[in-house]
């Protein structure tokens, strides 16, 4: 078996293992936040940062263009000066919690993404969000780590391949975006 076929086979296995009920809950949480005008805050490190930054774009701009209303989405890992200031003046595990404290109101949705499920800054952000009355949702890999225990809800991709975990997180986000968009498209005139 080639490495290409092997990669696709493993990825297909991970797709087949996803609990569709959990994905539907994720979609419903996002749609509810959008309809009710609540904020959706995204956070993640490294490759997970790239994923959440990308999705902030889709949910804010694409929802506005295709459904007539943007999702109030904020990517907490996009402002490098702010991240570095918090990391330098406190510690790196504290880069998200103060931003959560600044922006979150009860009922907002906070999404934390961590390939390992154990990123201290994401866990701290989720813990702060829980204290402030936000709804928390995690996307994790490996065995779910602390994120699966800290977020109110969490989809865990049971794989120790970081690349395949990150692939699956992007797939889940795109599924969620397409579902929310398709349910709410502005009818063509």
Foldseek 3Di string as FASTA:
>chain_A
DDPVVVVVVVLVVLVVPFDVVLLVVVLVLQLVQQVVQAEEEEEEDDLSLVLLVVLQCLQAPVCCVFQVGHHNYDYLPPPVVQQVCCCVVPRNLQSQLVVCVVDDAAAHEYEYEEAALDRSNSLNNLQSCVVRHYQYEYEYEDVNYCNCVRHPYYTYRNDPPSVSSSVVVNVSSVVSSCVSSVVRGDDDD
